[in-house]
Amino acid sequence: TRVIADDQAVVNHMIALNESLEKSRKEKFMGWYHSHPFDLGDHSHCFLSQTDLSTQLQWQRMEDPHGNPFVAMVLDPLRTSHQGIPEIKAFRAYPPEYQSPVSFECPDGSVEPTEKLRLEHWGSCWNRYYELSVNYFMSTTSRKVLEALTSKYLWISNLKTSVDPSETTAQLEATAAASWKASASSKMASSSGPLAASSSAARDAMMIDTEP
């Protein structure tokens, strides 16, 4: 599947929602996010694809001139579940005319001369964007709520359970269907969408350094 956040209907919706947020909550969108639920491997799947990069460039061109440096964030849900801590990264796109003075420089600033490894870690657009420093925190109350939701209702926890080889395909499908219904009824947030930033320092927040 593809995540495309620059569809005109989506753009119009985000503009209207952003205007409402600015009036009612003194907030505004600071970026967009989505997940890469690929196979669990030796490295993170947080990177920007060709489509992601195109989307991010369009938003930067619209928002940056208004003093709102737009951010693209990617979550690796399987690695997050396996590690027990969030595997999440934030990125910004370089201008199309930018050329790095360092050969084979990757988004995190490292140098990787092996093409196969560059593609595995950062995708085909590895030299067109850069990674940002991310720090996140939450209040004690928010942490307790999140821990409760994670331990009881997080759909991805079902992927961590082992499968009994004796179960038939029908049984597995029935189990998956039951898990899906439970997930839907818990009304968890979608894995893609806009990010809103609050002007209040007291709110739980994610701090992102937008400098390369």
N, C-alpha and C. Protein backbone atom coordinates (compact mmCIF):
# COMPACT_ATOMS: atom_id res chain seq x y z
N THR A 1 0.84 -1.19 0.00
CA THR A 1 0.00 0.00 0.00
C THR A 1 0.88 1.24 0.00
N ARG A 2 0.27 2.37 -0.36
CA ARG A 2 0.99 3.64 -0.37
C ARG A 2 0.30 4.65 0.53
N VAL A 3 1.10 5.50 1.15
CA VAL A 3 0.55 6.59 1.95
C VAL A 3 0.76 7.88 1.18
N ILE A 4 -0.33 8.49 0.76
CA ILE A 4 -0.26 9.73 -0.01
C ILE A 4 -1.01 10.81 0.75
N ALA A 5 -0.25 11.77 1.30
CA ALA A 5 -0.87 12.82 2.11
C ALA A 5 -0.97 14.14 1.35
N ASP A 6 -0.84 14.11 0.03
CA ASP A 6 -0.93 15.35 -0.74
C ASP A 6 -2.10 15.34 -1.71
N ASP A 7 -3.05 14.40 -1.53
CA ASP A 7 -4.28 14.40 -2.31
C ASP A 7 -5.02 15.70 -2.01
N GLN A 8 -5.67 16.28 -3.03
CA GLN A 8 -6.29 17.59 -2.86
C GLN A 8 -7.36 17.59 -1.78
N ALA A 9 -8.15 16.51 -1.71
CA ALA A 9 -9.17 16.43 -0.67
C ALA A 9 -8.54 16.41 0.72
N VAL A 10 -7.41 15.69 0.84
CA VAL A 10 -6.71 15.63 2.11
C VAL A 10 -6.15 17.00 2.46
N VAL A 11 -5.57 17.68 1.46
CA VAL A 11 -5.01 19.01 1.68
C VAL A 11 -6.09 19.98 2.16
N ASN A 12 -7.23 19.98 1.49
CA ASN A 12 -8.32 20.88 1.88
C ASN A 12 -8.80 20.59 3.29
N HIS A 13 -8.89 19.30 3.63
CA HIS A 13 -9.33 18.92 4.97
C HIS A 13 -8.33 19.40 6.02
N MET A 14 -7.05 19.23 5.75
CA MET A 14 -6.03 19.63 6.71
C MET A 14 -5.99 21.15 6.88
N ILE A 15 -6.21 21.89 5.80
CA ILE A 15 -6.24 23.35 5.89
C ILE A 15 -7.39 23.80 6.78
N ALA A 16 -8.58 23.22 6.55
CA ALA A 16 -9.76 23.58 7.34
C ALA A 16 -9.57 23.19 8.81
N LEU A 17 -9.02 22.00 9.03
CA LEU A 17 -8.81 21.53 10.40
C LEU A 17 -7.76 22.37 11.10
N ASN A 18 -6.72 22.76 10.37
CA ASN A 18 -5.66 23.59 10.95
C ASN A 18 -6.20 24.95 11.37
N GLU A 19 -7.05 25.54 10.54
CA GLU A 19 -7.64 26.83 10.88
C GLU A 19 -8.50 26.72 12.13
N SER A 20 -9.21 25.61 12.26
CA SER A 20 -10.05 25.39 13.44
C SER A 20 -9.20 25.22 14.69
N LEU A 21 -8.10 24.48 14.56
CA LEU A 21 -7.21 24.27 15.71
C LEU A 21 -6.59 25.57 16.19
N GLU A 22 -6.16 26.40 15.24
CA GLU A 22 -5.53 27.67 15.60
C GLU A 22 -6.49 28.58 16.37
N LYS A 23 -7.79 28.51 16.01
CA LYS A 23 -8.77 29.36 16.67
C LYS A 23 -9.18 28.81 18.03
N SER A 24 -9.42 27.49 18.10
CA SER A 24 -10.00 26.91 19.31
C SER A 24 -8.96 26.44 20.34
N ARG A 25 -7.80 25.98 19.87
CA ARG A 25 -6.83 25.41 20.80
C ARG A 25 -5.44 26.05 20.71
N LYS A 26 -5.30 27.07 19.89
CA LYS A 26 -4.00 27.73 19.72
C LYS A 26 -2.93 26.74 19.27
N GLU A 27 -3.32 25.83 18.41
CA GLU A 27 -2.40 24.84 17.88
C GLU A 27 -2.38 24.91 16.36
N LYS A 28 -1.37 24.28 15.77
CA LYS A 28 -1.32 24.17 14.32
C LYS A 28 -0.55 22.92 13.94
N PHE A 29 -0.79 22.44 12.73
CA PHE A 29 -0.09 21.25 12.27
C PHE A 29 1.38 21.53 12.10
N MET A 30 2.20 20.57 12.52
CA MET A 30 3.64 20.72 12.41
C MET A 30 4.23 19.65 11.50
N GLY A 31 3.38 18.72 11.01
CA GLY A 31 3.92 17.67 10.16
C GLY A 31 2.90 16.56 9.93
N TRP A 32 3.37 15.45 9.42
CA TRP A 32 2.52 14.29 9.18
C TRP A 32 3.29 13.03 9.54
N TYR A 33 2.57 11.95 9.76
CA TYR A 33 3.23 10.72 10.18
C TYR A 33 2.56 9.51 9.54
N HIS A 34 3.28 8.42 9.45
CA HIS A 34 2.73 7.15 9.02
C HIS A 34 3.65 6.03 9.49
N SER A 35 3.21 4.79 9.31
CA SER A 35 4.00 3.66 9.79
C SER A 35 4.51 2.80 8.64
N HIS A 36 5.60 2.09 8.91
CA HIS A 36 6.16 1.11 7.98
C HIS A 36 6.14 -0.25 8.68
N PRO A 37 5.02 -0.96 8.62
CA PRO A 37 4.92 -2.26 9.32
C PRO A 37 5.50 -3.40 8.50
N PHE A 38 6.81 -3.29 8.18
CA PHE A 38 7.46 -4.32 7.40
C PHE A 38 7.95 -5.44 8.32
N ASP A 39 8.57 -6.46 7.75
CA ASP A 39 9.08 -7.56 8.56
C ASP A 39 10.10 -7.08 9.58
N LEU A 40 10.09 -7.72 10.75
CA LEU A 40 11.05 -7.40 11.79
C LEU A 40 12.43 -7.88 11.35
N GLY A 41 13.39 -6.94 11.27
CA GLY A 41 14.73 -7.29 10.80
C GLY A 41 15.81 -6.76 11.72
N ASP A 42 17.01 -6.67 11.20
CA ASP A 42 18.16 -6.23 12.00
C ASP A 42 18.24 -4.72 12.11
N HIS A 43 17.47 -4.00 11.33
CA HIS A 43 17.56 -2.55 11.36
C HIS A 43 16.18 -1.93 11.27
N SER A 44 16.10 -0.66 11.57
CA SER A 44 14.84 0.07 11.56
C SER A 44 14.30 0.23 10.14
N HIS A 45 12.97 0.28 10.02
CA HIS A 45 12.33 0.54 8.73
C HIS A 45 11.80 1.98 8.68
N CYS A 46 12.38 2.84 9.49
CA CYS A 46 12.01 4.25 9.47
C CYS A 46 12.85 4.98 8.42
N PHE A 47 12.24 5.26 7.28
CA PHE A 47 12.91 5.98 6.20
C PHE A 47 11.83 6.59 5.32
N LEU A 48 12.22 7.42 4.38
CA LEU A 48 11.27 8.03 3.45
C LEU A 48 11.37 7.34 2.08
N SER A 49 10.22 6.87 1.60
CA SER A 49 10.17 6.29 0.27
C SER A 49 10.07 7.40 -0.77
N GLN A 50 10.03 7.04 -2.03
CA GLN A 50 9.89 8.03 -3.11
C GLN A 50 8.59 8.82 -2.94
N THR A 51 7.50 8.12 -2.63
CA THR A 51 6.21 8.79 -2.43
C THR A 51 6.26 9.68 -1.19
N ASP A 52 6.86 9.18 -0.12
CA ASP A 52 6.98 9.97 1.11
C ASP A 52 7.74 11.26 0.86
N LEU A 53 8.83 11.14 0.11
CA LEU A 53 9.67 12.31 -0.17
C LEU A 53 8.92 13.35 -0.98
N SER A 54 8.17 12.90 -1.98
CA SER A 54 7.38 13.81 -2.80
C SER A 54 6.35 14.54 -1.95
N THR A 55 5.69 13.80 -1.07
CA THR A 55 4.71 14.39 -0.17
C THR A 55 5.34 15.43 0.75
N GLN A 56 6.48 15.05 1.33
CA GLN A 56 7.16 15.94 2.27
C GLN A 56 7.63 17.23 1.59
N LEU A 57 8.16 17.13 0.39
CA LEU A 57 8.62 18.32 -0.34
C LEU A 57 7.46 19.28 -0.59
N GLN A 58 6.32 18.73 -0.96
CA GLN A 58 5.17 19.59 -1.25
C GLN A 58 4.72 20.34 0.00
N TRP A 59 4.69 19.65 1.13
CA TRP A 59 4.28 20.31 2.37
C TRP A 59 5.30 21.34 2.84
N GLN A 60 6.57 21.04 2.67
CA GLN A 60 7.61 22.01 3.06
C GLN A 60 7.47 23.30 2.24
N ARG A 61 7.20 23.15 0.96
CA ARG A 61 7.06 24.32 0.10
C ARG A 61 5.86 25.18 0.50
N MET A 62 4.81 24.53 1.02
CA MET A 62 3.62 25.26 1.42
C MET A 62 3.76 25.88 2.81
N GLU A 63 4.39 25.17 3.74
CA GLU A 63 4.40 25.58 5.14
C GLU A 63 5.65 26.34 5.58
N ASP A 64 6.80 25.97 5.06
CA ASP A 64 8.05 26.61 5.49
C ASP A 64 8.05 28.13 5.32
N PRO A 65 7.54 28.66 4.20
CA PRO A 65 7.55 30.13 4.02
C PRO A 65 6.73 30.87 5.08
N HIS A 66 5.83 30.16 5.77
CA HIS A 66 4.99 30.78 6.80
C HIS A 66 5.55 30.55 8.20
N GLY A 67 6.82 30.19 8.27
CA GLY A 67 7.45 29.99 9.58
C GLY A 67 7.05 28.72 10.28
N ASN A 68 6.62 27.72 9.53
CA ASN A 68 6.20 26.45 10.11
C ASN A 68 6.96 25.31 9.43
N PRO A 69 8.19 25.03 9.88
CA PRO A 69 8.99 23.97 9.25
C PRO A 69 8.33 22.60 9.40
N PHE A 70 7.79 22.09 8.31
CA PHE A 70 7.00 20.85 8.33
C PHE A 70 7.90 19.63 8.47
N VAL A 71 7.42 18.62 9.20
CA VAL A 71 8.20 17.43 9.54
C VAL A 71 7.49 16.17 9.06
N ALA A 72 8.27 15.20 8.59
CA ALA A 72 7.75 13.88 8.25
C ALA A 72 8.23 12.88 9.30
N MET A 73 7.30 12.13 9.86
CA MET A 73 7.67 11.15 10.87
C MET A 73 7.25 9.76 10.43
N VAL A 74 8.10 8.77 10.75
CA VAL A 74 7.82 7.38 10.38
C VAL A 74 8.00 6.50 11.60
N LEU A 75 7.03 5.62 11.82
CA LEU A 75 7.06 4.69 12.94
C LEU A 75 7.23 3.27 12.43
N ASP A 76 8.09 2.50 13.09
CA ASP A 76 8.25 1.08 12.80
C ASP A 76 7.53 0.32 13.91
N PRO A 77 6.26 -0.10 13.70
CA PRO A 77 5.47 -0.70 14.79
C PRO A 77 5.98 -2.07 15.25
N LEU A 78 6.47 -2.90 14.33
CA LEU A 78 6.95 -4.23 14.73
C LEU A 78 8.21 -4.13 15.58
N ARG A 79 9.11 -3.26 15.18
CA ARG A 79 10.34 -3.07 15.97
C ARG A 79 10.02 -2.42 17.32
N THR A 80 9.04 -1.53 17.32
CA THR A 80 8.61 -0.90 18.56
C THR A 80 8.09 -1.95 19.53
N SER A 81 7.26 -2.85 19.02
CA SER A 81 6.69 -3.91 19.86
C SER A 81 7.78 -4.86 20.36
N HIS A 82 8.72 -5.18 19.50
CA HIS A 82 9.80 -6.11 19.86
C HIS A 82 10.72 -5.51 20.92
N GLN A 83 11.05 -4.23 20.77
CA GLN A 83 11.99 -3.58 21.68
C GLN A 83 11.33 -3.10 22.97
N GLY A 84 10.05 -2.82 22.89
CA GLY A 84 9.36 -2.29 24.05
C GLY A 84 9.51 -0.79 24.20
N ILE A 85 10.14 -0.14 23.23
CA ILE A 85 10.29 1.32 23.23
C ILE A 85 9.99 1.82 21.82
N PRO A 86 9.53 3.06 21.67
CA PRO A 86 9.16 3.55 20.34
C PRO A 86 10.34 3.58 19.37
N GLU A 87 10.11 3.04 18.19
CA GLU A 87 11.07 3.16 17.09
C GLU A 87 10.47 4.17 16.12
N ILE A 88 10.83 5.42 16.30
CA ILE A 88 10.22 6.50 15.54
C ILE A 88 11.29 7.50 15.13
N LYS A 89 11.22 7.97 13.89
CA LYS A 89 12.20 8.92 13.40
C LYS A 89 11.50 10.05 12.65
N ALA A 90 12.16 11.20 12.65
CA ALA A 90 11.62 12.38 11.97
C ALA A 90 12.59 12.83 10.90
N PHE A 91 12.05 13.34 9.79
CA PHE A 91 12.88 13.70 8.65
C PHE A 91 12.42 15.02 8.02
N ARG A 92 13.36 15.62 7.31
CA ARG A 92 13.08 16.78 6.45
C ARG A 92 13.72 16.51 5.09
N ALA A 93 13.13 17.03 4.05
CA ALA A 93 13.67 16.82 2.70
C ALA A 93 14.62 17.95 2.33
N TYR A 94 15.67 17.58 1.60
CA TYR A 94 16.57 18.60 1.05
C TYR A 94 15.88 19.27 -0.15
N PRO A 95 16.23 20.51 -0.46
CA PRO A 95 15.75 21.12 -1.71
C PRO A 95 16.24 20.28 -2.89
N PRO A 96 15.48 20.22 -3.97
CA PRO A 96 15.86 19.38 -5.12
C PRO A 96 17.25 19.68 -5.66
N GLU A 97 17.69 20.93 -5.54
CA GLU A 97 19.00 21.29 -6.10
C GLU A 97 20.16 20.98 -5.16
N TYR A 98 19.88 20.52 -3.95
CA TYR A 98 20.94 20.28 -2.96
C TYR A 98 21.80 19.08 -3.35
N GLN A 99 23.10 19.23 -3.19
CA GLN A 99 24.05 18.14 -3.40
C GLN A 99 24.97 18.07 -2.18
N SER A 100 24.99 16.94 -1.52
CA SER A 100 25.82 16.78 -0.33
C SER A 100 27.30 16.86 -0.71
N PRO A 101 28.10 17.58 0.07
CA PRO A 101 29.54 17.65 -0.20
C PRO A 101 30.26 16.37 0.22
N VAL A 102 29.56 15.49 0.93
CA VAL A 102 30.15 14.24 1.41
C VAL A 102 29.60 13.07 0.59
N SER A 103 30.48 12.33 -0.02
CA SER A 103 30.06 11.18 -0.83
C SER A 103 29.43 10.10 0.05
N PHE A 104 28.32 9.54 -0.43
CA PHE A 104 27.62 8.43 0.23
C PHE A 104 27.12 8.79 1.64
N GLU A 105 26.82 10.08 1.84
CA GLU A 105 26.32 10.49 3.15
C GLU A 105 24.85 10.09 3.30
N CYS A 106 24.53 9.40 4.40
CA CYS A 106 23.17 8.93 4.67
C CYS A 106 22.40 9.97 5.47
N PRO A 107 21.08 9.81 5.60
CA PRO A 107 20.27 10.79 6.32
C PRO A 107 20.69 11.04 7.76
N ASP A 108 21.29 10.06 8.42
CA ASP A 108 21.71 10.25 9.81
C ASP A 108 23.11 10.83 9.92
N GLY A 109 23.72 11.19 8.79
CA GLY A 109 25.05 11.78 8.80
C GLY A 109 26.17 10.79 8.65
N SER A 110 25.86 9.50 8.70
CA SER A 110 26.89 8.48 8.53
C SER A 110 27.25 8.33 7.06
N VAL A 111 28.38 7.70 6.80
CA VAL A 111 28.83 7.46 5.43
C VAL A 111 28.82 5.95 5.18
N GLU A 112 28.07 5.54 4.17
CA GLU A 112 27.96 4.11 3.85
C GLU A 112 28.28 3.90 2.37
N PRO A 113 29.50 3.42 2.06
CA PRO A 113 29.90 3.24 0.66
C PRO A 113 29.21 2.07 -0.04
N THR A 114 28.63 1.14 0.73
CA THR A 114 27.98 -0.03 0.12
C THR A 114 26.55 0.30 -0.27
N GLU A 115 26.25 0.26 -1.56
CA GLU A 115 24.93 0.65 -2.05
C GLU A 115 23.82 -0.21 -1.48
N LYS A 116 24.05 -1.51 -1.37
CA LYS A 116 23.02 -2.42 -0.85
C LYS A 116 22.60 -2.03 0.56
N LEU A 117 23.55 -1.69 1.39
CA LEU A 117 23.24 -1.31 2.77
C LEU A 117 22.52 0.04 2.83
N ARG A 118 22.93 0.97 1.96
CA ARG A 118 22.26 2.27 1.93
C ARG A 118 20.78 2.10 1.57
N LEU A 119 20.50 1.28 0.58
CA LEU A 119 19.13 1.07 0.14
C LEU A 119 18.31 0.35 1.21
N GLU A 120 18.91 -0.62 1.88
CA GLU A 120 18.20 -1.37 2.91
C GLU A 120 17.81 -0.48 4.08
N HIS A 121 18.72 0.41 4.46
CA HIS A 121 18.48 1.25 5.64
C HIS A 121 17.67 2.51 5.34
N TRP A 122 17.86 3.10 4.14
CA TRP A 122 17.29 4.42 3.89
C TRP A 122 16.45 4.53 2.64
N GLY A 123 16.30 3.46 1.88
CA GLY A 123 15.49 3.49 0.67
C GLY A 123 16.22 4.11 -0.51
N SER A 124 15.53 4.18 -1.64
CA SER A 124 16.17 4.65 -2.87
C SER A 124 16.45 6.15 -2.87
N CYS A 125 15.82 6.90 -1.96
CA CYS A 125 16.02 8.36 -1.89
C CYS A 125 16.95 8.73 -0.74
N TRP A 126 17.88 7.87 -0.42
CA TRP A 126 18.74 8.03 0.75
C TRP A 126 19.51 9.35 0.80
N ASN A 127 19.75 9.97 -0.35
CA ASN A 127 20.53 11.22 -0.38
C ASN A 127 19.66 12.46 -0.58
N ARG A 128 18.32 12.31 -0.45
CA ARG A 128 17.42 13.42 -0.69
C ARG A 128 16.73 13.95 0.57
N TYR A 129 17.07 13.40 1.73
CA TYR A 129 16.46 13.86 2.97
C TYR A 129 17.42 13.63 4.13
N TYR A 130 17.13 14.25 5.28
CA TYR A 130 18.00 14.09 6.44
C TYR A 130 17.18 13.84 7.70
N GLU A 131 17.80 13.16 8.64
CA GLU A 131 17.13 12.79 9.90
C GLU A 131 17.25 13.92 10.92
N LEU A 132 16.21 14.07 11.73
CA LEU A 132 16.19 15.06 12.80
C LEU A 132 16.36 14.38 14.15
N SER A 133 16.84 15.14 15.11
CA SER A 133 16.95 14.65 16.48
C SER A 133 15.57 14.67 17.12
N VAL A 134 15.17 13.57 17.75
CA VAL A 134 13.85 13.47 18.36
C VAL A 134 13.97 13.16 19.84
N ASN A 135 13.27 13.94 20.66
CA ASN A 135 13.14 13.67 22.09
C ASN A 135 11.66 13.71 22.44
N TYR A 136 11.16 12.73 23.15
CA TYR A 136 9.76 12.72 23.51
C TYR A 136 9.59 12.46 25.00
N PHE A 137 8.50 12.98 25.53
CA PHE A 137 8.22 12.82 26.95
C PHE A 137 6.73 12.87 27.17
N MET A 138 6.26 12.42 28.34
CA MET A 138 4.85 12.48 28.66
C MET A 138 4.67 12.58 30.17
N SER A 139 3.50 13.02 30.59
CA SER A 139 3.21 13.15 32.01
C SER A 139 3.01 11.78 32.62
N THR A 140 3.03 11.70 33.94
CA THR A 140 2.83 10.43 34.64
C THR A 140 1.47 9.85 34.32
N THR A 141 0.45 10.70 34.29
CA THR A 141 -0.91 10.23 33.99
C THR A 141 -1.01 9.67 32.58
N SER A 142 -0.43 10.39 31.62
CA SER A 142 -0.46 9.92 30.23
C SER A 142 0.27 8.59 30.09
N ARG A 143 1.37 8.44 30.79
CA ARG A 143 2.13 7.19 30.71
C ARG A 143 1.30 6.02 31.24
N LYS A 144 0.59 6.22 32.34
CA LYS A 144 -0.23 5.16 32.91
C LYS A 144 -1.35 4.75 31.96
N VAL A 145 -1.98 5.76 31.33
CA VAL A 145 -3.04 5.47 30.37
C VAL A 145 -2.49 4.69 29.19
N LEU A 146 -1.36 5.11 28.66
CA LEU A 146 -0.76 4.45 27.51
C LEU A 146 -0.35 3.02 27.84
N GLU A 147 0.22 2.81 29.02
CA GLU A 147 0.62 1.47 29.43
C GLU A 147 -0.59 0.55 29.55
N ALA A 148 -1.70 1.09 30.07
CA ALA A 148 -2.91 0.29 30.19
C ALA A 148 -3.46 -0.09 28.82
N LEU A 149 -3.50 0.86 27.92
CA LEU A 149 -3.97 0.59 26.56
C LEU A 149 -3.07 -0.40 25.85
N THR A 150 -1.76 -0.23 26.03
CA THR A 150 -0.80 -1.10 25.36
C THR A 150 -0.91 -2.54 25.83
N SER A 151 -1.05 -2.73 27.13
CA SER A 151 -1.06 -4.09 27.69
C SER A 151 -2.37 -4.82 27.43
N LYS A 152 -3.48 -4.07 27.27
CA LYS A 152 -4.79 -4.73 27.15
C LYS A 152 -5.41 -4.66 25.76
N TYR A 153 -5.13 -3.59 25.04
CA TYR A 153 -5.90 -3.38 23.81
C TYR A 153 -5.06 -3.18 22.56
N LEU A 154 -3.75 -3.18 22.66
CA LEU A 154 -2.93 -2.93 21.48
C LEU A 154 -2.99 -4.12 20.52
N TRP A 155 -3.50 -3.88 19.31
CA TRP A 155 -3.69 -4.97 18.36
C TRP A 155 -2.41 -5.67 17.98
N ILE A 156 -1.32 -4.89 17.95
CA ILE A 156 -0.06 -5.47 17.48
C ILE A 156 0.50 -6.53 18.43
N SER A 157 0.04 -6.53 19.69
CA SER A 157 0.51 -7.52 20.65
C SER A 157 0.15 -8.93 20.21
N ASN A 158 -0.91 -9.04 19.38
CA ASN A 158 -1.30 -10.36 18.87
C ASN A 158 -0.23 -10.96 17.97
N LEU A 159 0.55 -10.11 17.34
CA LEU A 159 1.59 -10.61 16.43
C LEU A 159 2.74 -11.24 17.18
N LYS A 160 2.84 -10.95 18.50
CA LYS A 160 3.96 -11.46 19.29
C LYS A 160 3.69 -12.86 19.82
N THR A 161 2.42 -13.30 19.78
CA THR A 161 2.09 -14.62 20.31
C THR A 161 2.49 -15.68 19.30
N SER A 162 2.92 -16.83 19.80
CA SER A 162 3.34 -17.92 18.91
C SER A 162 2.12 -18.63 18.34
N VAL A 163 2.28 -19.18 17.17
CA VAL A 163 1.19 -19.88 16.49
C VAL A 163 1.33 -21.38 16.71
N ASP A 164 0.24 -22.03 17.09
CA ASP A 164 0.23 -23.48 17.29
C ASP A 164 0.17 -24.15 15.92
N PRO A 165 1.18 -24.96 15.58
CA PRO A 165 1.21 -25.61 14.26
C PRO A 165 -0.01 -26.46 13.99
N SER A 166 -0.70 -26.94 15.06
CA SER A 166 -1.85 -27.82 14.87
C SER A 166 -3.11 -27.05 14.47
N GLU A 167 -3.09 -25.72 14.61
CA GLU A 167 -4.26 -24.93 14.25
C GLU A 167 -4.46 -24.93 12.74
N THR A 168 -5.69 -25.06 12.35
CA THR A 168 -6.01 -25.03 10.92
C THR A 168 -6.06 -23.59 10.42
N THR A 169 -6.08 -23.45 9.10
CA THR A 169 -6.17 -22.12 8.51
C THR A 169 -7.46 -21.43 8.96
N ALA A 170 -8.57 -22.19 9.02
CA ALA A 170 -9.85 -21.62 9.43
C ALA A 170 -9.78 -21.09 10.86
N GLN A 171 -9.10 -21.85 11.74
CA GLN A 171 -8.97 -21.41 13.13
C GLN A 171 -8.14 -20.14 13.22
N LEU A 172 -7.07 -20.09 12.46
CA LEU A 172 -6.22 -18.91 12.46
C LEU A 172 -6.98 -17.70 11.93
N GLU A 173 -7.78 -17.92 10.87
CA GLU A 173 -8.56 -16.82 10.33
C GLU A 173 -9.60 -16.33 11.32
N ALA A 174 -10.20 -17.27 12.07
CA ALA A 174 -11.19 -16.89 13.07
C ALA A 174 -10.54 -16.09 14.19
N THR A 175 -9.32 -16.50 14.59
CA THR A 175 -8.59 -15.77 15.63
C THR A 175 -8.24 -14.37 15.16
N ALA A 176 -7.79 -14.27 13.91
CA ALA A 176 -7.42 -12.97 13.35
C ALA A 176 -8.65 -12.06 13.27
N ALA A 177 -9.80 -12.63 12.88
CA ALA A 177 -11.02 -11.84 12.79
C ALA A 177 -11.45 -11.32 14.15
N ALA A 178 -11.33 -12.19 15.18
CA ALA A 178 -11.69 -11.77 16.53
C ALA A 178 -10.77 -10.65 17.02
N SER A 179 -9.48 -10.77 16.70
CA SER A 179 -8.52 -9.75 17.10
C SER A 179 -8.82 -8.43 16.41
N TRP A 180 -9.21 -8.52 15.13
CA TRP A 180 -9.53 -7.30 14.37
C TRP A 180 -10.75 -6.61 14.97
N LYS A 181 -11.78 -7.38 15.34
CA LYS A 181 -12.98 -6.79 15.93
C LYS A 181 -12.66 -6.11 17.25
N ALA A 182 -11.81 -6.77 18.06
CA ALA A 182 -11.43 -6.19 19.34
C ALA A 182 -10.66 -4.90 19.14
N SER A 183 -9.79 -4.91 18.10
CA SER A 183 -9.01 -3.71 17.80
C SER A 183 -9.90 -2.58 17.35
N ALA A 184 -10.88 -2.89 16.50
CA ALA A 184 -11.77 -1.86 15.98
C ALA A 184 -12.62 -1.27 17.09
N SER A 185 -13.07 -2.12 18.02
CA SER A 185 -13.94 -1.63 19.08
C SER A 185 -13.20 -0.77 20.08
N SER A 186 -11.89 -0.94 20.18
CA SER A 186 -11.11 -0.13 21.12
C SER A 186 -10.88 1.28 20.62
N LYS A 187 -11.20 1.50 19.31
CA LYS A 187 -11.10 2.84 18.71
C LYS A 187 -9.71 3.45 18.87
N MET A 188 -8.70 2.66 18.57
CA MET A 188 -7.35 3.17 18.63
C MET A 188 -7.13 4.15 17.49
N ALA A 189 -6.11 5.00 17.63
CA ALA A 189 -5.83 6.01 16.60
C ALA A 189 -5.32 5.37 15.34
N SER A 190 -5.53 6.04 14.21
CA SER A 190 -5.04 5.57 12.92
C SER A 190 -3.53 5.64 12.87
N SER A 191 -2.92 4.81 11.99
CA SER A 191 -1.46 4.78 11.89
C SER A 191 -0.91 5.81 10.94
N SER A 192 -1.75 6.69 10.43
CA SER A 192 -1.23 7.78 9.61
C SER A 192 -2.11 9.00 9.80
N GLY A 193 -1.51 10.19 9.62
CA GLY A 193 -2.30 11.39 9.78
C GLY A 193 -1.45 12.59 10.07
N PRO A 194 -2.08 13.74 10.34
CA PRO A 194 -1.34 14.97 10.63
C PRO A 194 -0.88 15.02 12.06
N LEU A 195 0.10 15.86 12.34
CA LEU A 195 0.58 16.10 13.69
C LEU A 195 0.19 17.51 14.10
N ALA A 196 -0.27 17.65 15.32
CA ALA A 196 -0.60 18.97 15.82
C ALA A 196 0.33 19.32 16.97
N ALA A 197 0.82 20.56 16.99
CA ALA A 197 1.72 21.01 18.06
C ALA A 197 1.02 22.08 18.88
N SER A 198 1.13 21.97 20.20
CA SER A 198 0.49 22.94 21.08
C SER A 198 1.45 24.02 21.49
N SER A 199 0.93 25.22 21.73
CA SER A 199 1.75 26.32 22.17
C SER A 199 1.96 26.28 23.68
N SER A 200 1.26 25.38 24.38
CA SER A 200 1.37 25.28 25.83
C SER A 200 2.46 24.30 26.22
N ALA A 201 3.41 24.76 27.02
CA ALA A 201 4.52 23.90 27.42
C ALA A 201 4.07 22.83 28.39
N ALA A 202 2.89 23.00 28.98
CA ALA A 202 2.41 22.03 29.96
C ALA A 202 1.86 20.78 29.32
N ARG A 203 1.53 20.84 28.02
CA ARG A 203 0.96 19.68 27.34
C ARG A 203 2.04 18.64 27.07
N ASP A 204 1.60 17.35 27.02
CA ASP A 204 2.54 16.32 26.60
C ASP A 204 2.96 16.64 25.18
N ALA A 205 4.24 16.46 24.86
CA ALA A 205 4.71 16.90 23.55
C ALA A 205 5.83 16.03 23.04
N MET A 206 6.13 16.21 21.78
CA MET A 206 7.31 15.61 21.16
C MET A 206 8.18 16.73 20.67
N MET A 207 9.42 16.76 21.11
CA MET A 207 10.33 17.82 20.74
C MET A 207 11.18 17.38 19.57
N ILE A 208 11.20 18.15 18.51
CA ILE A 208 11.93 17.81 17.31
C ILE A 208 12.84 18.95 16.91
N ASP A 209 14.13 18.65 16.79
CA ASP A 209 15.10 19.64 16.33
C ASP A 209 15.07 19.65 14.82
N THR A 210 14.62 20.75 14.20
CA THR A 210 14.46 20.80 12.75
C THR A 210 15.74 21.20 12.03
N GLU A 211 16.83 21.37 12.74
CA GLU A 211 18.08 21.66 12.08
C GLU A 211 18.77 20.37 11.69
N PRO A 212 19.43 20.30 10.51
CA PRO A 212 20.10 19.06 10.09
C PRO A 212 21.31 18.77 10.97
